[in-house]
Amino acid sequence: MVITATRNGNELDLALKGRLDSSTAEELETLLDENTEGVEKVVLDLAELEFISSSGLRILLKTDRKYAAMQGLHVKNVNEVVMDVFRLTGFDDILTLE
């Protein structure tokens, strides 16, 4: 997986490309844990995410909960493959989708 991170004030924008699964979820989790001082909003661009597993969903849920009291986690450009997973798991009701 390739993660492109851009910091804009209190907003962290992350574009994910490839697969978010058990072998790559730790990379995203580490980035979110180590680089979030002063961050109040996280925006994930999933236009090029090909696959998401339960490990990836766990990271999204953890991040959503972490930022719930602030501006939150926003997920944009969700492709059909990932949206199908969100629908089947109920994440389309949990996450803020743009």
PDB file of N, CA and C in Angstrom:
ATOM      1  N   MET A   1       0.851  -1.174   0.000  1.00  0.00           N
ATOM      2  CA  MET A   1       0.000   0.000   0.000  1.00  0.00           C
ATOM      3  C   MET A   1       0.892   1.232   0.000  1.00  0.00           C
ATOM      4  N   VAL A   2       0.441   2.239  -0.704  1.00  0.00           N
ATOM      5  CA  VAL A   2       1.125   3.525  -0.737  1.00  0.00           C
ATOM      6  C   VAL A   2       0.218   4.543  -0.049  1.00  0.00           C
ATOM      7  N   ILE A   3       0.789   5.267   0.910  1.00  0.00           N
ATOM      8  CA  ILE A   3       0.043   6.301   1.617  1.00  0.00           C
ATOM      9  C   ILE A   3       0.675   7.648   1.302  1.00  0.00           C
ATOM     10  N   THR A   4      -0.137   8.559   0.796  1.00  0.00           N
ATOM     11  CA  THR A   4       0.319   9.918   0.555  1.00  0.00           C
ATOM     12  C   THR A   4      -0.333  10.797   1.602  1.00  0.00           C
ATOM     13  N   ALA A   5       0.503  11.426   2.432  1.00  0.00           N
ATOM     14  CA  ALA A   5       0.008  12.246   3.536  1.00  0.00           C
ATOM     15  C   ALA A   5       0.293  13.719   3.277  1.00  0.00           C
ATOM     16  N   THR A   6      -0.724  14.544   3.546  1.00  0.00           N
ATOM     17  CA  THR A   6      -0.598  15.988   3.432  1.00  0.00           C
ATOM     18  C   THR A   6      -1.193  16.602   4.675  1.00  0.00           C
ATOM     19  N   ARG A   7      -0.444  17.481   5.302  1.00  0.00           N
ATOM     20  CA  ARG A   7      -0.920  18.171   6.514  1.00  0.00           C
ATOM     21  C   ARG A   7      -1.305  19.590   6.125  1.00  0.00           C
ATOM     22  N   ASN A   8      -2.515  19.983   6.510  1.00  0.00           N
ATOM     23  CA  ASN A   8      -3.018  21.322   6.208  1.00  0.00           C
ATOM     24  C   ASN A   8      -3.613  21.891   7.489  1.00  0.00           C
ATOM     25  N   GLY A   9      -2.782  22.567   8.279  1.00  0.00           N
ATOM     26  CA  GLY A   9      -3.242  23.084   9.563  1.00  0.00           C
ATOM     27  C   GLY A   9      -3.587  21.942  10.493  1.00  0.00           C
ATOM     28  N   ASN A  10      -4.837  21.920  10.955  1.00  0.00           N
ATOM     29  CA  ASN A  10      -5.273  20.856  11.872  1.00  0.00           C
ATOM     30  C   ASN A  10      -5.894  19.668  11.128  1.00  0.00           C
ATOM     31  N   GLU A  11      -5.749  19.635   9.813  1.00  0.00           N
ATOM     32  CA  GLU A  11      -6.311  18.552   8.997  1.00  0.00           C
ATOM     33  C   GLU A  11      -5.197  17.700   8.409  1.00  0.00           C
ATOM     34  N   LEU A  12      -5.372  16.382   8.513  1.00  0.00           N
ATOM     35  CA  LEU A  12      -4.448  15.426   7.917  1.00  0.00           C
ATOM     36  C   LEU A  12      -5.182  14.717   6.794  1.00  0.00           C
ATOM     37  N   ASP A  13      -4.689  14.873   5.576  1.00  0.00           N
ATOM     38  CA  ASP A  13      -5.274  14.227   4.403  1.00  0.00           C
ATOM     39  C   ASP A  13      -4.393  13.044   4.013  1.00  0.00           C
ATOM     40  N   LEU A  14      -5.026  11.885   3.877  1.00  0.00           N
ATOM     41  CA  LEU A  14      -4.309  10.672   3.504  1.00  0.00           C
ATOM     42  C   LEU A  14      -4.971  10.040   2.285  1.00  0.00           C
ATOM     43  N   ALA A  15      -4.187   9.796   1.248  1.00  0.00           N
ATOM     44  CA  ALA A  15      -4.670   9.078   0.073  1.00  0.00           C
ATOM     45  C   ALA A  15      -4.067   7.680   0.129  1.00  0.00           C
ATOM     46  N   LEU A  16      -4.921   6.665   0.072  1.00  0.00           N
ATOM     47  CA  LEU A  16      -4.471   5.281   0.153  1.00  0.00           C
ATOM     48  C   LEU A  16      -4.559   4.626  -1.216  1.00  0.00           C
ATOM     49  N   LYS A  17      -3.491   3.920  -1.596  1.00  0.00           N
ATOM     50  CA  LYS A  17      -3.460   3.226  -2.879  1.00  0.00           C
ATOM     51  C   LYS A  17      -3.007   1.787  -2.644  1.00  0.00           C
ATOM     52  N   GLY A  18      -3.781   0.844  -3.149  1.00  0.00           N
ATOM     53  CA  GLY A  18      -3.425  -0.563  -3.002  1.00  0.00           C
ATOM     54  C   GLY A  18      -4.390  -1.309  -2.111  1.00  0.00           C
ATOM     55  N   ARG A  19      -3.848  -2.123  -1.215  1.00  0.00           N
ATOM     56  CA  ARG A  19      -4.653  -2.982  -0.344  1.00  0.00           C
ATOM     57  C   ARG A  19      -4.426  -2.598   1.115  1.00  0.00           C
ATOM     58  N   LEU A  20      -5.530  -2.433   1.843  1.00  0.00           N
ATOM     59  CA  LEU A  20      -5.459  -2.190   3.285  1.00  0.00           C
ATOM     60  C   LEU A  20      -5.899  -3.479   3.963  1.00  0.00           C
ATOM     61  N   ASP A  21      -4.915  -4.275   4.357  1.00  0.00           N
ATOM     62  CA  ASP A  21      -5.196  -5.581   4.946  1.00  0.00           C
ATOM     63  C   ASP A  21      -4.244  -5.831   6.111  1.00  0.00           C
ATOM     64  N   SER A  22      -4.185  -7.057   6.582  1.00  0.00           N
ATOM     65  CA  SER A  22      -3.384  -7.357   7.768  1.00  0.00           C
ATOM     66  C   SER A  22      -1.899  -7.067   7.572  1.00  0.00           C
ATOM     67  N   SER A  23      -1.424  -7.116   6.345  1.00  0.00           N
ATOM     68  CA  SER A  23      -0.002  -6.858   6.110  1.00  0.00           C
ATOM     69  C   SER A  23       0.321  -5.371   5.961  1.00  0.00           C
ATOM     70  N   THR A  24      -0.681  -4.520   5.780  1.00  0.00           N
ATOM     71  CA  THR A  24      -0.427  -3.084   5.588  1.00  0.00           C
ATOM     72  C   THR A  24      -1.113  -2.197   6.621  1.00  0.00           C
ATOM     73  N   ALA A  25      -2.037  -2.743   7.392  1.00  0.00           N
ATOM     74  CA  ALA A  25      -2.800  -1.939   8.354  1.00  0.00           C
ATOM     75  C   ALA A  25      -1.900  -1.306   9.412  1.00  0.00           C
ATOM     76  N   GLU A  26      -0.861  -2.015   9.815  1.00  0.00           N
ATOM     77  CA  GLU A  26       0.036  -1.491  10.841  1.00  0.00           C
ATOM     78  C   GLU A  26       0.721  -0.205  10.376  1.00  0.00           C
ATOM     79  N   GLU A  27       1.056  -0.133   9.101  1.00  0.00           N
ATOM     80  CA  GLU A  27       1.682   1.071   8.542  1.00  0.00           C
ATOM     81  C   GLU A  27       0.756   2.285   8.691  1.00  0.00           C
ATOM     82  N   LEU A  28      -0.511   2.112   8.360  1.00  0.00           N
ATOM     83  CA  LEU A  28      -1.483   3.200   8.504  1.00  0.00           C
ATOM     84  C   LEU A  28      -1.699   3.534   9.976  1.00  0.00           C
ATOM     85  N   GLU A  29      -1.800   2.535  10.810  1.00  0.00           N
ATOM     86  CA  GLU A  29      -2.013   2.753  12.240  1.00  0.00           C
ATOM     87  C   GLU A  29      -0.842   3.528  12.851  1.00  0.00           C
ATOM     88  N   THR A  30       0.364   3.160  12.492  1.00  0.00           N
ATOM     89  CA  THR A  30       1.556   3.860  12.992  1.00  0.00           C
ATOM     90  C   THR A  30       1.555   5.311  12.546  1.00  0.00           C
ATOM     91  N   LEU A  31       1.249   5.551  11.292  1.00  0.00           N
ATOM     92  CA  LEU A  31       1.199   6.918  10.778  1.00  0.00           C
ATOM     93  C   LEU A  31       0.161   7.740  11.541  1.00  0.00           C
ATOM     94  N   LEU A  32      -0.990   7.160  11.796  1.00  0.00           N
ATOM     95  CA  LEU A  32      -2.057   7.866  12.502  1.00  0.00           C
ATOM     96  C   LEU A  32      -1.731   8.076  13.979  1.00  0.00           C
ATOM     97  N   ASP A  33      -0.967   7.193  14.568  1.00  0.00           N
ATOM     98  CA  ASP A  33      -0.608   7.327  15.972  1.00  0.00           C
ATOM     99  C   ASP A  33       0.541   8.313  16.186  1.00  0.00           C
ATOM    100  N   GLU A  34       1.465   8.372  15.244  1.00  0.00           N
ATOM    101  CA  GLU A  34       2.675   9.162  15.434  1.00  0.00           C
ATOM    102  C   GLU A  34       2.609  10.575  14.868  1.00  0.00           C
ATOM    103  N   ASN A  35       1.753  10.841  13.941  1.00  0.00           N
ATOM    104  CA  ASN A  35       1.778  12.122  13.234  1.00  0.00           C
ATOM    105  C   ASN A  35       0.494  12.922  13.399  1.00  0.00           C
ATOM    106  N   THR A  36      -0.103  12.847  14.576  1.00  0.00           N
ATOM    107  CA  THR A  36      -1.407  13.483  14.704  1.00  0.00           C
ATOM    108  C   THR A  36      -1.471  14.562  15.778  1.00  0.00           C
ATOM    109  N   GLU A  37      -0.331  15.032  16.254  1.00  0.00           N
ATOM    110  CA  GLU A  37      -0.359  16.109  17.236  1.00  0.00           C
ATOM    111  C   GLU A  37      -0.977  17.352  16.601  1.00  0.00           C
ATOM    112  N   GLY A  38      -2.025  17.866  17.225  1.00  0.00           N
ATOM    113  CA  GLY A  38      -2.720  19.039  16.716  1.00  0.00           C
ATOM    114  C   GLY A  38      -3.746  18.759  15.632  1.00  0.00           C
ATOM    115  N   VAL A  39      -3.859  17.507  15.213  1.00  0.00           N
ATOM    116  CA  VAL A  39      -4.826  17.143  14.179  1.00  0.00           C
ATOM    117  C   VAL A  39      -6.208  17.015  14.804  1.00  0.00           C
ATOM    118  N   GLU A  40      -7.195  17.636  14.175  1.00  0.00           N
ATOM    119  CA  GLU A  40      -8.576  17.540  14.628  1.00  0.00           C
ATOM    120  C   GLU A  40      -9.475  16.880  13.594  1.00  0.00           C
ATOM    121  N   LYS A  41      -8.956  16.727  12.384  1.00  0.00           N
ATOM    122  CA  LYS A  41      -9.745  16.132  11.308  1.00  0.00           C
ATOM    123  C   LYS A  41      -8.815  15.293  10.432  1.00  0.00           C
ATOM    124  N   VAL A  42      -9.270  14.085  10.123  1.00  0.00           N
ATOM    125  CA  VAL A  42      -8.544  13.205   9.216  1.00  0.00           C
ATOM    126  C   VAL A  42      -9.443  12.943   8.017  1.00  0.00           C
ATOM    127  N   VAL A  43      -8.897  13.153   6.820  1.00  0.00           N
ATOM    128  CA  VAL A  43      -9.630  12.887   5.588  1.00  0.00           C
ATOM    129  C   VAL A  43      -8.910  11.767   4.843  1.00  0.00           C
ATOM    130  N   LEU A  44      -9.631  10.682   4.593  1.00  0.00           N
ATOM    131  CA  LEU A  44      -9.082   9.557   3.841  1.00  0.00           C
ATOM    132  C   LEU A  44      -9.655   9.553   2.435  1.00  0.00           C
ATOM    133  N   ASP A  45      -8.782   9.569   1.447  1.00  0.00           N
ATOM    134  CA  ASP A  45      -9.185   9.459   0.052  1.00  0.00           C
ATOM    135  C   ASP A  45      -8.957   8.015  -0.369  1.00  0.00           C
ATOM    136  N   LEU A  46     -10.038   7.308  -0.653  1.00  0.00           N
ATOM    137  CA  LEU A  46      -9.951   5.881  -0.968  1.00  0.00           C
ATOM    138  C   LEU A  46     -10.174   5.581  -2.449  1.00  0.00           C
ATOM    139  N   ALA A  47      -9.993   6.578  -3.306  1.00  0.00           N
ATOM    140  CA  ALA A  47     -10.234   6.389  -4.740  1.00  0.00           C
ATOM    141  C   ALA A  47      -9.402   5.248  -5.318  1.00  0.00           C
ATOM    142  N   GLU A  48      -8.190   5.059  -4.816  1.00  0.00           N
ATOM    143  CA  GLU A  48      -7.302   4.037  -5.370  1.00  0.00           C
ATOM    144  C   GLU A  48      -7.081   2.861  -4.422  1.00  0.00           C
ATOM    145  N   LEU A  49      -7.944   2.734  -3.424  1.00  0.00           N
ATOM    146  CA  LEU A  49      -7.866   1.579  -2.528  1.00  0.00           C
ATOM    147  C   LEU A  49      -8.571   0.404  -3.200  1.00  0.00           C
ATOM    148  N   GLU A  50      -7.851  -0.670  -3.415  1.00  0.00           N
ATOM    149  CA  GLU A  50      -8.369  -1.821  -4.153  1.00  0.00           C
ATOM    150  C   GLU A  50      -9.096  -2.827  -3.267  1.00  0.00           C
ATOM    151  N   PHE A  51      -8.748  -2.845  -1.972  1.00  0.00           N
ATOM    152  CA  PHE A  51      -9.280  -3.872  -1.082  1.00  0.00           C
ATOM    153  C   PHE A  51      -9.140  -3.396   0.346  1.00  0.00           C
ATOM    154  N   ILE A  52     -10.097  -3.755   1.197  1.00  0.00           N
ATOM    155  CA  ILE A  52      -9.997  -3.482   2.624  1.00  0.00           C
ATOM    156  C   ILE A  52     -10.459  -4.719   3.385  1.00  0.00           C
ATOM    157  N   SER A  53      -9.670  -5.130   4.361  1.00  0.00           N
ATOM    158  CA  SER A  53     -10.004  -6.303   5.176  1.00  0.00           C
ATOM    159  C   SER A  53     -10.493  -5.846   6.542  1.00  0.00           C
ATOM    160  N   SER A  54     -10.775  -6.810   7.393  1.00  0.00           N
ATOM    161  CA  SER A  54     -11.211  -6.476   8.750  1.00  0.00           C
ATOM    162  C   SER A  54     -10.135  -5.721   9.515  1.00  0.00           C
ATOM    163  N   SER A  55      -8.875  -5.957   9.214  1.00  0.00           N
ATOM    164  CA  SER A  55      -7.790  -5.206   9.852  1.00  0.00           C
ATOM    165  C   SER A  55      -7.857  -3.736   9.473  1.00  0.00           C
ATOM    166  N   GLY A  56      -8.157  -3.472   8.222  1.00  0.00           N
ATOM    167  CA  GLY A  56      -8.314  -2.095   7.767  1.00  0.00           C
ATOM    168  C   GLY A  56      -9.537  -1.436   8.375  1.00  0.00           C
ATOM    169  N   LEU A  57     -10.620  -2.179   8.466  1.00  0.00           N
ATOM    170  CA  LEU A  57     -11.836  -1.652   9.079  1.00  0.00           C
ATOM    171  C   LEU A  57     -11.600  -1.293  10.545  1.00  0.00           C
ATOM    172  N   ARG A  58     -10.808  -2.113  11.234  1.00  0.00           N
ATOM    173  CA  ARG A  58     -10.488  -1.840  12.634  1.00  0.00           C
ATOM    174  C   ARG A  58      -9.760  -0.503  12.778  1.00  0.00           C
ATOM    175  N   ILE A  59      -8.829  -0.219  11.878  1.00  0.00           N
ATOM    176  CA  ILE A  59      -8.102   1.051  11.921  1.00  0.00           C
ATOM    177  C   ILE A  59      -9.053   2.214  11.672  1.00  0.00           C
ATOM    178  N   LEU A  60      -9.961   2.061  10.729  1.00  0.00           N
ATOM    179  CA  LEU A  60     -10.923   3.133  10.442  1.00  0.00           C
ATOM    180  C   LEU A  60     -11.819   3.379  11.652  1.00  0.00           C
ATOM    181  N   LEU A  61     -12.283   2.320  12.281  1.00  0.00           N
ATOM    182  CA  LEU A  61     -13.140   2.468  13.458  1.00  0.00           C
ATOM    183  C   LEU A  61     -12.389   3.138  14.609  1.00  0.00           C
ATOM    184  N   LYS A  62     -11.171   2.714  14.841  1.00  0.00           N
ATOM    185  CA  LYS A  62     -10.342   3.306  15.896  1.00  0.00           C
ATOM    186  C   LYS A  62     -10.128   4.801  15.630  1.00  0.00           C
ATOM    187  N   THR A  63      -9.836   5.147  14.390  1.00  0.00           N
ATOM    188  CA  THR A  63      -9.606   6.551  14.028  1.00  0.00           C
ATOM    189  C   THR A  63     -10.883   7.362  14.148  1.00  0.00           C
ATOM    190  N   ASP A  64     -11.995   6.786  13.728  1.00  0.00           N
ATOM    191  CA  ASP A  64     -13.284   7.473  13.837  1.00  0.00           C
ATOM    192  C   ASP A  64     -13.597   7.788  15.300  1.00  0.00           C
ATOM    193  N   ARG A  65     -13.356   6.841  16.168  1.00  0.00           N
ATOM    194  CA  ARG A  65     -13.614   7.056  17.603  1.00  0.00           C
ATOM    195  C   ARG A  65     -12.669   8.090  18.192  1.00  0.00           C
ATOM    196  N   LYS A  66     -11.414   8.061  17.777  1.00  0.00           N
ATOM    197  CA  LYS A  66     -10.405   8.989  18.298  1.00  0.00           C
ATOM    198  C   LYS A  66     -10.771  10.436  17.984  1.00  0.00           C
ATOM    199  N   TYR A  67     -11.315  10.681  16.801  1.00  0.00           N
ATOM    200  CA  TYR A  67     -11.603  12.048  16.356  1.00  0.00           C
ATOM    201  C   TYR A  67     -13.074  12.428  16.472  1.00  0.00           C
ATOM    202  N   ALA A  68     -13.877  11.598  17.080  1.00  0.00           N
ATOM    203  CA  ALA A  68     -15.321  11.843  17.179  1.00  0.00           C
ATOM    204  C   ALA A  68     -15.649  13.139  17.903  1.00  0.00           C
ATOM    205  N   ALA A  69     -14.893  13.479  18.911  1.00  0.00           N
ATOM    206  CA  ALA A  69     -15.166  14.699  19.690  1.00  0.00           C
ATOM    207  C   ALA A  69     -14.646  15.954  18.985  1.00  0.00           C
ATOM    208  N   MET A  70     -13.896  15.776  17.911  1.00  0.00           N
ATOM    209  CA  MET A  70     -13.358  16.910  17.161  1.00  0.00           C
ATOM    210  C   MET A  70     -14.099  16.995  15.825  1.00  0.00           C
ATOM    211  N   GLN A  71     -13.380  17.295  14.770  1.00  0.00           N
ATOM    212  CA  GLN A  71     -14.002  17.399  13.455  1.00  0.00           C
ATOM    213  C   GLN A  71     -14.191  16.051  12.784  1.00  0.00           C
ATOM    214  N   GLY A  72     -13.562  15.027  13.320  1.00  0.00           N
ATOM    215  CA  GLY A  72     -13.846  13.671  12.887  1.00  0.00           C
ATOM    216  C   GLY A  72     -13.002  13.113  11.765  1.00  0.00           C
ATOM    217  N   LEU A  73     -13.362  11.890  11.408  1.00  0.00           N
ATOM    218  CA  LEU A  73     -12.780  11.176  10.281  1.00  0.00           C
ATOM    219  C   LEU A  73     -13.764  11.310   9.124  1.00  0.00           C
ATOM    220  N   HIS A  74     -13.251  11.736   7.980  1.00  0.00           N
ATOM    221  CA  HIS A  74     -14.063  11.867   6.773  1.00  0.00           C
ATOM    222  C   HIS A  74     -13.451  10.972   5.698  1.00  0.00           C
ATOM    223  N   VAL A  75     -14.287  10.196   5.040  1.00  0.00           N
ATOM    224  CA  VAL A  75     -13.841   9.270   4.013  1.00  0.00           C
ATOM    225  C   VAL A  75     -14.452   9.711   2.688  1.00  0.00           C
ATOM    226  N   LYS A  76     -13.596   9.895   1.681  1.00  0.00           N
ATOM    227  CA  LYS A  76     -14.107  10.368   0.397  1.00  0.00           C
ATOM    228  C   LYS A  76     -13.628   9.475  -0.743  1.00  0.00           C
ATOM    229  N   ASN A  77     -14.294   9.619  -1.868  1.00  0.00           N
ATOM    230  CA  ASN A  77     -13.955   8.905  -3.105  1.00  0.00           C
ATOM    231  C   ASN A  77     -13.913   7.389  -2.914  1.00  0.00           C
ATOM    232  N   VAL A  78     -14.910   6.860  -2.228  1.00  0.00           N
ATOM    233  CA  VAL A  78     -14.961   5.424  -1.978  1.00  0.00           C
ATOM    234  C   VAL A  78     -15.421   4.717  -3.255  1.00  0.00           C
ATOM    235  N   ASN A  79     -14.590   3.801  -3.737  1.00  0.00           N
ATOM    236  CA  ASN A  79     -14.962   3.075  -4.956  1.00  0.00           C
ATOM    237  C   ASN A  79     -15.956   1.966  -4.623  1.00  0.00           C
ATOM    238  N   GLU A  80     -16.508   1.338  -5.623  1.00  0.00           N
ATOM    239  CA  GLU A  80     -17.573   0.340  -5.425  1.00  0.00           C
ATOM    240  C   GLU A  80     -17.115  -0.886  -4.646  1.00  0.00           C
ATOM    241  N   VAL A  81     -15.887  -1.326  -4.878  1.00  0.00           N
ATOM    242  CA  VAL A  81     -15.382  -2.512  -4.178  1.00  0.00           C
ATOM    243  C   VAL A  81     -15.352  -2.261  -2.675  1.00  0.00           C
ATOM    244  N   VAL A  82     -14.792  -1.135  -2.274  1.00  0.00           N
ATOM    245  CA  VAL A  82     -14.701  -0.801  -0.855  1.00  0.00           C
ATOM    246  C   VAL A  82     -16.082  -0.459  -0.300  1.00  0.00           C
ATOM    247  N   MET A  83     -16.912   0.222  -1.092  1.00  0.00           N
ATOM    248  CA  MET A  83     -18.258   0.569  -0.639  1.00  0.00           C
ATOM    249  C   MET A  83     -19.082  -0.682  -0.370  1.00  0.00           C
ATOM    250  N   ASP A  84     -18.895  -1.717  -1.159  1.00  0.00           N
ATOM    251  CA  ASP A  84     -19.596  -2.983  -0.909  1.00  0.00           C
ATOM    252  C   ASP A  84     -19.229  -3.542   0.466  1.00  0.00           C
ATOM    253  N   VAL A  85     -17.956  -3.459   0.825  1.00  0.00           N
ATOM    254  CA  VAL A  85     -17.515  -3.921   2.147  1.00  0.00           C
ATOM    255  C   VAL A  85     -18.141  -3.049   3.233  1.00  0.00           C
ATOM    256  N   PHE A  86     -18.145  -1.731   3.019  1.00  0.00           N
ATOM    257  CA  PHE A  86     -18.756  -0.824   3.994  1.00  0.00           C
ATOM    258  C   PHE A  86     -20.233  -1.142   4.192  1.00  0.00           C
ATOM    259  N   ARG A  87     -20.934  -1.412   3.099  1.00  0.00           N
ATOM    260  CA  ARG A  87     -22.367  -1.727   3.194  1.00  0.00           C
ATOM    261  C   ARG A  87     -22.607  -3.048   3.925  1.00  0.00           C
ATOM    262  N   LEU A  88     -21.830  -4.048   3.596  1.00  0.00           N
ATOM    263  CA  LEU A  88     -22.002  -5.375   4.214  1.00  0.00           C
ATOM    264  C   LEU A  88     -21.698  -5.362   5.705  1.00  0.00           C
ATOM    265  N   THR A  89     -20.792  -4.491   6.129  1.00  0.00           N
ATOM    266  CA  THR A  89     -20.374  -4.454   7.531  1.00  0.00           C
ATOM    267  C   THR A  89     -21.069  -3.357   8.335  1.00  0.00           C
ATOM    268  N   GLY A  90     -21.844  -2.513   7.657  1.00  0.00           N
ATOM    269  CA  GLY A  90     -22.517  -1.411   8.344  1.00  0.00           C
ATOM    270  C   GLY A  90     -21.649  -0.176   8.519  1.00  0.00           C
ATOM    271  N   PHE A  91     -20.445  -0.199   7.975  1.00  0.00           N
ATOM    272  CA  PHE A  91     -19.562   0.952   8.096  1.00  0.00           C
ATOM    273  C   PHE A  91     -20.075   2.163   7.318  1.00  0.00           C
ATOM    274  N   ASP A  92     -20.945   1.936   6.356  1.00  0.00           N
ATOM    275  CA  ASP A  92     -21.524   3.074   5.634  1.00  0.00           C
ATOM    276  C   ASP A  92     -22.424   3.898   6.546  1.00  0.00           C
ATOM    277  N   ASP A  93     -22.895   3.309   7.638  1.00  0.00           N
ATOM    278  CA  ASP A  93     -23.695   4.034   8.618  1.00  0.00           C
ATOM    279  C   ASP A  93     -22.841   4.624   9.738  1.00  0.00           C
ATOM    280  N   ILE A  94     -21.657   4.089   9.934  1.00  0.00           N
ATOM    281  CA  ILE A  94     -20.778   4.534  11.022  1.00  0.00           C
ATOM    282  C   ILE A  94     -19.900   5.706  10.589  1.00  0.00           C
ATOM    283  N   LEU A  95     -19.322   5.594   9.406  1.00  0.00           N
ATOM    284  CA  LEU A  95     -18.350   6.588   8.950  1.00  0.00           C
ATOM    285  C   LEU A  95     -19.021   7.785   8.278  1.00  0.00           C
ATOM    286  N   THR A  96     -18.321   8.912   8.279  1.00  0.00           N
ATOM    287  CA  THR A  96     -18.763  10.086   7.528  1.00  0.00           C
ATOM    288  C   THR A  96     -18.210   9.946   6.119  1.00  0.00           C
ATOM    289  N   LEU A  97     -19.081   9.632   5.171  1.00  0.00           N
ATOM    290  CA  LEU A  97     -18.687   9.417   3.780  1.00  0.00           C
ATOM    291  C   LEU A  97     -19.007  10.650   2.953  1.00  0.00           C
ATOM    292  N   GLU A  98     -18.053  11.050   2.147  1.00  0.00           N
ATOM    293  CA  GLU A  98     -18.256  12.214   1.269  1.00  0.00           C
ATOM    294  C   GLU A  98     -18.269  11.753  -0.180  1.00  0.00           C
TER     295      GLU A  98
END
